[in-house]
């Protein structure tokens, strides 16, 4: 008879766990008491005290921890617009955002070393005019950002600027990229992509002369427009 009771109780445990996880801690003791009374009326005796204690002290605690962890997990994704409620990647819906003038400026640097720097300055690289080709590559790169970055929106750019300047103090090429749009989402990624693609093009144009070239310090400098307003690295 005892074995039968234990098997009967064990079959009801999954149901009780679901029940306990769906109610507040204030009603836990009452729910357990009612369940014990119901089992006593059916089987003629209450469940073993050790089993009841196990439900009270272990199962209930585990279920509460699980419920809390699930809620915390959902909260942890609340501030990340590219993350869904289950942690999956998603493209942000910008349909309800306001249209505004948006501008972003990014910068980066390509350290050439003196030998390559002198060749670029004299326009003697075998592939041609390094700065001119890299400028065009940066502009094209900005326009292809949504094809390169999976969750970026395909936006209409109103302006793209890429400037490259030789810096003789550290034998580098300093690059600045600017992107602008009248739309519902920012252009930070377009400005950063312009600088990055231009930097890679400088490397490609010069790699035959040296493999020691470094691309460094690619960063967003400032942005304007949108719900978050203006931002600048200097502030």
C-alpha atoms as a PDB file:
ATOM      1  CA  UNK A   1       0.000   0.000   0.000  1.00  0.00           C
ATOM      2  CA  UNK A   2       2.857   2.382   0.858  1.00  0.00           C
ATOM      3  CA  UNK A   3       4.569   1.649  -2.452  1.00  0.00           C
ATOM      4  CA  UNK A   4       1.299   2.318  -4.272  1.00  0.00           C
ATOM      5  CA  UNK A   5       0.940   5.651  -2.483  1.00  0.00           C
ATOM      6  CA  UNK A   6       4.485   6.641  -3.354  1.00  0.00           C
ATOM      7  CA  UNK A   7       3.968   5.789  -7.013  1.00  0.00           C
ATOM      8  CA  UNK A   8       0.702   7.717  -7.032  1.00  0.00           C
ATOM      9  CA  UNK A   9       2.310  10.718  -5.420  1.00  0.00           C
ATOM     10  CA  UNK A  10       5.282  10.631  -7.803  1.00  0.00           C
ATOM     11  CA  UNK A  11       2.919  10.738 -10.780  1.00  0.00           C
ATOM     12  CA  UNK A  12       1.296  13.874  -9.383  1.00  0.00           C
ATOM     13  CA  UNK A  13       4.573  15.699  -8.787  1.00  0.00           C
ATOM     14  CA  UNK A  14       4.983  17.155 -12.314  1.00  0.00           C
ATOM     15  CA  UNK A  15       1.464  18.586 -12.050  1.00  0.00           C
ATOM     16  CA  UNK A  16       2.164  20.023  -8.596  1.00  0.00           C
ATOM     17  CA  UNK A  17       5.369  21.619  -9.819  1.00  0.00           C
ATOM     18  CA  UNK A  18       3.529  23.341 -12.629  1.00  0.00           C
ATOM     19  CA  UNK A  19       0.926  24.460 -10.119  1.00  0.00           C
ATOM     20  CA  UNK A  20       3.512  25.861  -7.686  1.00  0.00           C
ATOM     21  CA  UNK A  21       5.415  27.687 -10.432  1.00  0.00           C
ATOM     22  CA  UNK A  22       2.241  29.498 -11.483  1.00  0.00           C
ATOM     23  CA  UNK A  23       1.264  30.901  -8.052  1.00  0.00           C
ATOM     24  CA  UNK A  24       2.889  33.335  -5.676  1.00  0.00           C
ATOM     25  CA  UNK A  25       4.926  32.412  -2.608  1.00  0.00           C
ATOM     26  CA  UNK A  26       2.153  33.746  -0.311  1.00  0.00           C
ATOM     27  CA  UNK A  27      -0.193  30.937  -1.400  1.00  0.00           C
ATOM     28  CA  UNK A  28       2.365  28.104  -1.460  1.00  0.00           C
ATOM     29  CA  UNK A  29       1.702  26.744   2.051  1.00  0.00           C
ATOM     30  CA  UNK A  30      -2.059  26.853   1.503  1.00  0.00           C
ATOM     31  CA  UNK A  31      -1.755  25.013  -1.812  1.00  0.00           C
ATOM     32  CA  UNK A  32       0.408  22.290  -0.290  1.00  0.00           C
ATOM     33  CA  UNK A  33      -1.996  21.867   2.629  1.00  0.00           C
ATOM     34  CA  UNK A  34      -5.003  21.531   0.316  1.00  0.00           C
ATOM     35  CA  UNK A  35      -3.151  18.996  -1.823  1.00  0.00           C
ATOM     36  CA  UNK A  36      -2.270  16.896   1.250  1.00  0.00           C
ATOM     37  CA  UNK A  37      -5.887  16.959   2.453  1.00  0.00           C
ATOM     38  CA  UNK A  38      -7.151  15.861  -0.959  1.00  0.00           C
ATOM     39  CA  UNK A  39      -4.682  12.961  -1.106  1.00  0.00           C
ATOM     40  CA  UNK A  40      -5.633  11.907   2.437  1.00  0.00           C
ATOM     41  CA  UNK A  41      -9.346  11.826   1.510  1.00  0.00           C
ATOM     42  CA  UNK A  42      -8.610   9.678  -1.556  1.00  0.00           C
ATOM     43  CA  UNK A  43      -6.044   7.240  -0.129  1.00  0.00           C
ATOM     44  CA  UNK A  44      -7.088   7.243   3.536  1.00  0.00           C
ATOM     45  CA  UNK A  45      -3.808   8.611   4.861  1.00  0.00           C
ATOM     46  CA  UNK A  46      -1.616  11.681   4.202  1.00  0.00           C
ATOM     47  CA  UNK A  47       1.488  11.400   2.026  1.00  0.00           C
ATOM     48  CA  UNK A  48       4.730  10.465   3.808  1.00  0.00           C
ATOM     49  CA  UNK A  49       6.091  13.442   5.738  1.00  0.00           C
ATOM     50  CA  UNK A  50       9.522  13.107   4.116  1.00  0.00           C
ATOM     51  CA  UNK A  51       7.967  13.303   0.650  1.00  0.00           C
ATOM     52  CA  UNK A  52       5.829  16.299   1.623  1.00  0.00           C
ATOM     53  CA  UNK A  53       8.889  18.034   3.015  1.00  0.00           C
ATOM     54  CA  UNK A  54      10.719  17.293  -0.191  1.00  0.00           C
ATOM     55  CA  UNK A  55       7.979  18.981  -2.176  1.00  0.00           C
ATOM     56  CA  UNK A  56       7.964  21.954   0.158  1.00  0.00           C
ATOM     57  CA  UNK A  57      11.704  22.467   0.458  1.00  0.00           C
ATOM     58  CA  UNK A  58      13.186  21.257  -2.818  1.00  0.00           C
ATOM     59  CA  UNK A  59      10.708  21.147  -5.692  1.00  0.00           C
ATOM     60  CA  UNK A  60       9.075  24.450  -4.827  1.00  0.00           C
ATOM     61  CA  UNK A  61      12.447  26.184  -4.435  1.00  0.00           C
ATOM     62  CA  UNK A  62      13.717  24.809  -7.745  1.00  0.00           C
ATOM     63  CA  UNK A  63      10.569  25.874  -9.584  1.00  0.00           C
ATOM     64  CA  UNK A  64      10.733  29.374  -8.112  1.00  0.00           C
ATOM     65  CA  UNK A  65      14.380  29.693  -9.134  1.00  0.00           C
ATOM     66  CA  UNK A  66      13.529  28.501 -12.657  1.00  0.00           C
ATOM     67  CA  UNK A  67      10.681  30.971 -13.007  1.00  0.00           C
ATOM     68  CA  UNK A  68      12.884  33.804 -11.728  1.00  0.00           C
ATOM     69  CA  UNK A  69      15.698  32.845 -14.106  1.00  0.00           C
ATOM     70  CA  UNK A  70      13.315  32.797 -17.071  1.00  0.00           C
ATOM     71  CA  UNK A  71      11.991  36.240 -16.177  1.00  0.00           C
ATOM     72  CA  UNK A  72      15.498  37.612 -15.683  1.00  0.00           C
ATOM     73  CA  UNK A  73      16.500  36.180 -19.060  1.00  0.00           C
ATOM     74  CA  UNK A  74      13.652  38.006 -20.772  1.00  0.00           C
ATOM     75  CA  UNK A  75      14.528  41.228 -18.963  1.00  0.00           C
ATOM     76  CA  UNK A  76      18.175  40.943 -20.009  1.00  0.00           C
ATOM     77  CA  UNK A  77      17.176  41.229 -23.679  1.00  0.00           C
ATOM     78  CA  UNK A  78      14.751  44.096 -23.130  1.00  0.00           C
ATOM     79  CA  UNK A  79      17.286  46.840 -23.881  1.00  0.00           C
ATOM     80  CA  UNK A  80      18.797  45.185 -26.962  1.00  0.00           C
ATOM     81  CA  UNK A  81      16.792  46.056 -30.050  1.00  0.00           C
ATOM     82  CA  UNK A  82      18.619  43.505 -32.234  1.00  0.00           C
ATOM     83  CA  UNK A  83      17.815  40.635 -29.831  1.00  0.00           C
ATOM     84  CA  UNK A  84      14.412  38.953 -29.644  1.00  0.00           C
ATOM     85  CA  UNK A  85      12.707  37.760 -26.435  1.00  0.00           C
ATOM     86  CA  UNK A  86      14.328  34.335 -26.823  1.00  0.00           C
ATOM     87  CA  UNK A  87      17.796  35.696 -27.598  1.00  0.00           C
ATOM     88  CA  UNK A  88      17.581  35.305 -31.363  1.00  0.00           C
ATOM     89  CA  UNK A  89      18.928  37.927 -33.774  1.00  0.00           C
ATOM     90  CA  UNK A  90      16.338  40.115 -35.451  1.00  0.00           C
ATOM     91  CA  UNK A  91      16.136  43.145 -37.723  1.00  0.00           C
ATOM     92  CA  UNK A  92      14.720  46.190 -35.952  1.00  0.00           C
ATOM     93  CA  UNK A  93      11.347  47.456 -37.182  1.00  0.00           C
ATOM     94  CA  UNK A  94      11.830  51.197 -37.808  1.00  0.00           C
ATOM     95  CA  UNK A  95       8.447  51.812 -39.427  1.00  0.00           C
ATOM     96  CA  UNK A  96       7.177  53.830 -36.452  1.00  0.00           C
ATOM     97  CA  UNK A  97      10.293  55.991 -36.107  1.00  0.00           C
ATOM     98  CA  UNK A  98      10.298  59.634 -37.149  1.00  0.00           C
ATOM     99  CA  UNK A  99      12.140  60.791 -40.240  1.00  0.00           C
ATOM    100  CA  UNK A 100      15.006  63.114 -39.387  1.00  0.00           C
ATOM    101  CA  UNK A 101      18.296  64.390 -40.749  1.00  0.00           C
ATOM    102  CA  UNK A 102      21.001  61.936 -39.681  1.00  0.00           C
ATOM    103  CA  UNK A 103      24.757  62.414 -40.013  1.00  0.00           C
ATOM    104  CA  UNK A 104      27.669  60.321 -38.747  1.00  0.00           C
ATOM    105  CA  UNK A 105      31.430  60.812 -38.954  1.00  0.00           C
ATOM    106  CA  UNK A 106      34.020  58.074 -38.401  1.00  0.00           C
ATOM    107  CA  UNK A 107      37.793  58.011 -38.528  1.00  0.00           C
ATOM    108  CA  UNK A 108      40.605  55.493 -38.866  1.00  0.00           C
ATOM    109  CA  UNK A 109      44.316  55.214 -39.578  1.00  0.00           C
ATOM    110  CA  UNK A 110      46.572  53.010 -41.694  1.00  0.00           C
ATOM    111  CA  UNK A 111      50.178  52.934 -40.473  1.00  0.00           C
ATOM    112  CA  UNK A 112      52.405  52.326 -43.505  1.00  0.00           C
ATOM    113  CA  UNK A 113      55.965  52.626 -42.257  1.00  0.00           C
ATOM    114  CA  UNK A 114      58.470  55.032 -43.804  1.00  0.00           C
ATOM    115  CA  UNK A 115      59.333  52.959 -46.887  1.00  0.00           C
ATOM    116  CA  UNK A 116      55.724  52.524 -48.043  1.00  0.00           C
ATOM    117  CA  UNK A 117      54.806  56.042 -46.934  1.00  0.00           C
ATOM    118  CA  UNK A 118      57.448  57.495 -49.237  1.00  0.00           C
ATOM    119  CA  UNK A 119      56.207  55.409 -52.161  1.00  0.00           C
ATOM    120  CA  UNK A 120      52.601  56.493 -51.613  1.00  0.00           C
ATOM    121  CA  UNK A 121      53.650  60.145 -51.245  1.00  0.00           C
ATOM    122  CA  UNK A 122      55.505  59.980 -54.552  1.00  0.00           C
ATOM    123  CA  UNK A 123      52.625  58.057 -56.178  1.00  0.00           C
ATOM    124  CA  UNK A 124      55.015  55.268 -57.122  1.00  0.00           C
ATOM    125  CA  UNK A 125      53.023  52.236 -55.990  1.00  0.00           C
ATOM    126  CA  UNK A 126      52.702  49.570 -58.642  1.00  0.00           C
ATOM    127  CA  UNK A 127      48.873  49.430 -58.451  1.00  0.00           C
ATOM    128  CA  UNK A 128      48.425  53.165 -58.994  1.00  0.00           C
ATOM    129  CA  UNK A 129      47.178  56.156 -57.034  1.00  0.00           C
ATOM    130  CA  UNK A 130      46.544  54.702 -53.586  1.00  0.00           C
ATOM    131  CA  UNK A 131      44.613  57.596 -52.073  1.00  0.00           C
ATOM    132  CA  UNK A 132      42.294  58.116 -55.047  1.00  0.00           C
ATOM    133  CA  UNK A 133      41.390  54.443 -55.337  1.00  0.00           C
ATOM    134  CA  UNK A 134      40.832  54.117 -51.572  1.00  0.00           C
ATOM    135  CA  UNK A 135      38.581  57.191 -51.593  1.00  0.00           C
ATOM    136  CA  UNK A 136      36.323  55.677 -54.254  1.00  0.00           C
ATOM    137  CA  UNK A 137      36.346  52.312 -52.476  1.00  0.00           C
ATOM    138  CA  UNK A 138      35.195  53.956 -49.236  1.00  0.00           C
ATOM    139  CA  UNK A 139      32.290  55.686 -50.967  1.00  0.00           C
ATOM    140  CA  UNK A 140      31.216  52.432 -52.637  1.00  0.00           C
ATOM    141  CA  UNK A 141      31.585  50.592 -49.332  1.00  0.00           C
ATOM    142  CA  UNK A 142      29.227  52.981 -47.543  1.00  0.00           C
ATOM    143  CA  UNK A 143      26.571  52.330 -50.170  1.00  0.00           C
ATOM    144  CA  UNK A 144      26.933  48.545 -49.713  1.00  0.00           C
ATOM    145  CA  UNK A 145      26.717  48.516 -45.916  1.00  0.00           C
ATOM    146  CA  UNK A 146      23.366  46.713 -45.723  1.00  0.00           C
ATOM    147  CA  UNK A 147      24.768  43.955 -47.949  1.00  0.00           C
ATOM    148  CA  UNK A 148      27.791  43.490 -45.703  1.00  0.00           C
ATOM    149  CA  UNK A 149      26.222  43.832 -42.229  1.00  0.00           C
ATOM    150  CA  UNK A 150      23.273  41.399 -41.875  1.00  0.00           C
ATOM    151  CA  UNK A 151      20.956  43.458 -39.639  1.00  0.00           C
ATOM    152  CA  UNK A 152      21.582  46.889 -41.191  1.00  0.00           C
ATOM    153  CA  UNK A 153      18.720  48.533 -43.055  1.00  0.00           C
ATOM    154  CA  UNK A 154      18.981  49.372 -46.732  1.00  0.00           C
ATOM    155  CA  UNK A 155      18.739  53.159 -46.542  1.00  0.00           C
ATOM    156  CA  UNK A 156      18.925  55.994 -49.052  1.00  0.00           C
ATOM    157  CA  UNK A 157      22.122  57.942 -48.436  1.00  0.00           C
ATOM    158  CA  UNK A 158      21.984  61.628 -49.329  1.00  0.00           C
ATOM    159  CA  UNK A 159      25.727  62.152 -48.987  1.00  0.00           C
ATOM    160  CA  UNK A 160      28.966  60.208 -48.513  1.00  0.00           C
ATOM    161  CA  UNK A 161      32.368  61.823 -48.010  1.00  0.00           C
ATOM    162  CA  UNK A 162      35.712  60.047 -47.648  1.00  0.00           C
ATOM    163  CA  UNK A 163      38.927  62.040 -47.104  1.00  0.00           C
ATOM    164  CA  UNK A 164      42.446  60.601 -46.876  1.00  0.00           C
ATOM    165  CA  UNK A 165      45.518  62.515 -45.726  1.00  0.00           C
ATOM    166  CA  UNK A 166      49.169  61.522 -45.331  1.00  0.00           C
ATOM    167  CA  UNK A 167      50.640  62.092 -41.871  1.00  0.00           C
ATOM    168  CA  UNK A 168      54.480  62.255 -41.986  1.00  0.00           C
ATOM    169  CA  UNK A 169      54.801  62.198 -38.190  1.00  0.00           C
ATOM    170  CA  UNK A 170      53.870  58.512 -37.877  1.00  0.00           C
ATOM    171  CA  UNK A 171      54.031  57.565 -41.596  1.00  0.00           C
ATOM    172  CA  UNK A 172      50.309  56.880 -41.797  1.00  0.00           C
ATOM    173  CA  UNK A 173      47.228  57.585 -43.862  1.00  0.00           C
ATOM    174  CA  UNK A 174      44.479  59.208 -41.810  1.00  0.00           C
ATOM    175  CA  UNK A 175      40.965  58.528 -43.083  1.00  0.00           C
ATOM    176  CA  UNK A 176      37.698  60.286 -42.292  1.00  0.00           C
ATOM    177  CA  UNK A 177      34.320  59.129 -43.535  1.00  0.00           C
ATOM    178  CA  UNK A 178      30.961  60.900 -43.345  1.00  0.00           C
ATOM    179  CA  UNK A 179      27.520  59.577 -44.204  1.00  0.00           C
ATOM    180  CA  UNK A 180      24.187  61.415 -44.231  1.00  0.00           C
ATOM    181  CA  UNK A 181      20.555  60.455 -44.757  1.00  0.00           C
ATOM    182  CA  UNK A 182      17.022  61.746 -44.272  1.00  0.00           C
ATOM    183  CA  UNK A 183      15.450  58.653 -42.821  1.00  0.00           C
ATOM    184  CA  UNK A 184      14.284  56.564 -39.869  1.00  0.00           C
ATOM    185  CA  UNK A 185      17.570  54.961 -38.845  1.00  0.00           C
ATOM    186  CA  UNK A 186      21.105  56.140 -38.223  1.00  0.00           C
ATOM    187  CA  UNK A 187      24.089  56.131 -40.573  1.00  0.00           C
ATOM    188  CA  UNK A 188      26.848  55.247 -38.097  1.00  0.00           C
ATOM    189  CA  UNK A 189      27.494  51.905 -39.766  1.00  0.00           C
ATOM    190  CA  UNK A 190      27.721  53.529 -43.191  1.00  0.00           C
ATOM    191  CA  UNK A 191      30.384  55.976 -41.972  1.00  0.00           C
ATOM    192  CA  UNK A 192      32.329  53.192 -40.247  1.00  0.00           C
ATOM    193  CA  UNK A 193      32.087  50.954 -43.313  1.00  0.00           C
ATOM    194  CA  UNK A 194      33.384  53.766 -45.538  1.00  0.00           C
ATOM    195  CA  UNK A 195      36.462  54.161 -43.342  1.00  0.00           C
ATOM    196  CA  UNK A 196      37.028  50.419 -43.026  1.00  0.00           C
ATOM    197  CA  UNK A 197      36.771  49.672 -46.747  1.00  0.00           C
ATOM    198  CA  UNK A 198      39.035  52.620 -47.557  1.00  0.00           C
ATOM    199  CA  UNK A 199      41.574  51.321 -45.027  1.00  0.00           C
ATOM    200  CA  UNK A 200      41.469  47.824 -46.504  1.00  0.00           C
ATOM    201  CA  UNK A 201      41.972  49.277 -49.963  1.00  0.00           C
ATOM    202  CA  UNK A 202      45.069  51.167 -48.823  1.00  0.00           C
ATOM    203  CA  UNK A 203      46.393  47.889 -47.450  1.00  0.00           C
ATOM    204  CA  UNK A 204      45.620  46.053 -50.673  1.00  0.00           C
ATOM    205  CA  UNK A 205      47.285  48.729 -52.791  1.00  0.00           C
ATOM    206  CA  UNK A 206      50.442  48.646 -50.650  1.00  0.00           C
ATOM    207  CA  UNK A 207      50.794  45.060 -49.436  1.00  0.00           C
ATOM    208  CA  UNK A 208      53.266  44.150 -52.178  1.00  0.00           C
ATOM    209  CA  UNK A 209      55.724  46.632 -50.665  1.00  0.00           C
ATOM    210  CA  UNK A 210      55.214  45.580 -47.018  1.00  0.00           C
ATOM    211  CA  UNK A 211      53.210  43.088 -44.981  1.00  0.00           C
ATOM    212  CA  UNK A 212      53.785  45.121 -41.797  1.00  0.00           C
ATOM    213  CA  UNK A 213      51.030  47.671 -42.522  1.00  0.00           C
ATOM    214  CA  UNK A 214      48.552  48.177 -39.664  1.00  0.00           C
ATOM    215  CA  UNK A 215      44.906  49.288 -39.758  1.00  0.00           C
ATOM    216  CA  UNK A 216      44.052  50.907 -36.448  1.00  0.00           C
ATOM    217  CA  UNK A 217      41.851  53.321 -34.480  1.00  0.00           C
ATOM    218  CA  UNK A 218      38.672  52.852 -36.532  1.00  0.00           C
ATOM    219  CA  UNK A 219      35.948  54.526 -34.459  1.00  0.00           C
ATOM    220  CA  UNK A 220      32.825  56.645 -34.565  1.00  0.00           C
ATOM    221  CA  UNK A 221      33.567  60.306 -33.837  1.00  0.00           C
ATOM    222  CA  UNK A 222      30.099  61.827 -33.750  1.00  0.00           C
ATOM    223  CA  UNK A 223      26.509  61.450 -34.886  1.00  0.00           C
ATOM    224  CA  UNK A 224      23.438  63.663 -35.061  1.00  0.00           C
ATOM    225  CA  UNK A 225      19.704  63.070 -35.434  1.00  0.00           C
ATOM    226  CA  UNK A 226      17.349  60.339 -34.327  1.00  0.00           C
ATOM    227  CA  UNK A 227      15.695  59.590 -31.000  1.00  0.00           C
ATOM    228  CA  UNK A 228      19.006  59.378 -29.118  1.00  0.00           C
ATOM    229  CA  UNK A 229      19.977  62.861 -30.295  1.00  0.00           C
ATOM    230  CA  UNK A 230      23.503  64.125 -30.849  1.00  0.00           C
ATOM    231  CA  UNK A 231      26.628  62.350 -29.648  1.00  0.00           C
ATOM    232  CA  UNK A 232      30.323  63.221 -29.845  1.00  0.00           C
ATOM    233  CA  UNK A 233      33.413  61.396 -28.644  1.00  0.00           C
ATOM    234  CA  UNK A 234      34.858  64.692 -27.391  1.00  0.00           C
ATOM    235  CA  UNK A 235      31.969  65.263 -24.965  1.00  0.00           C
END
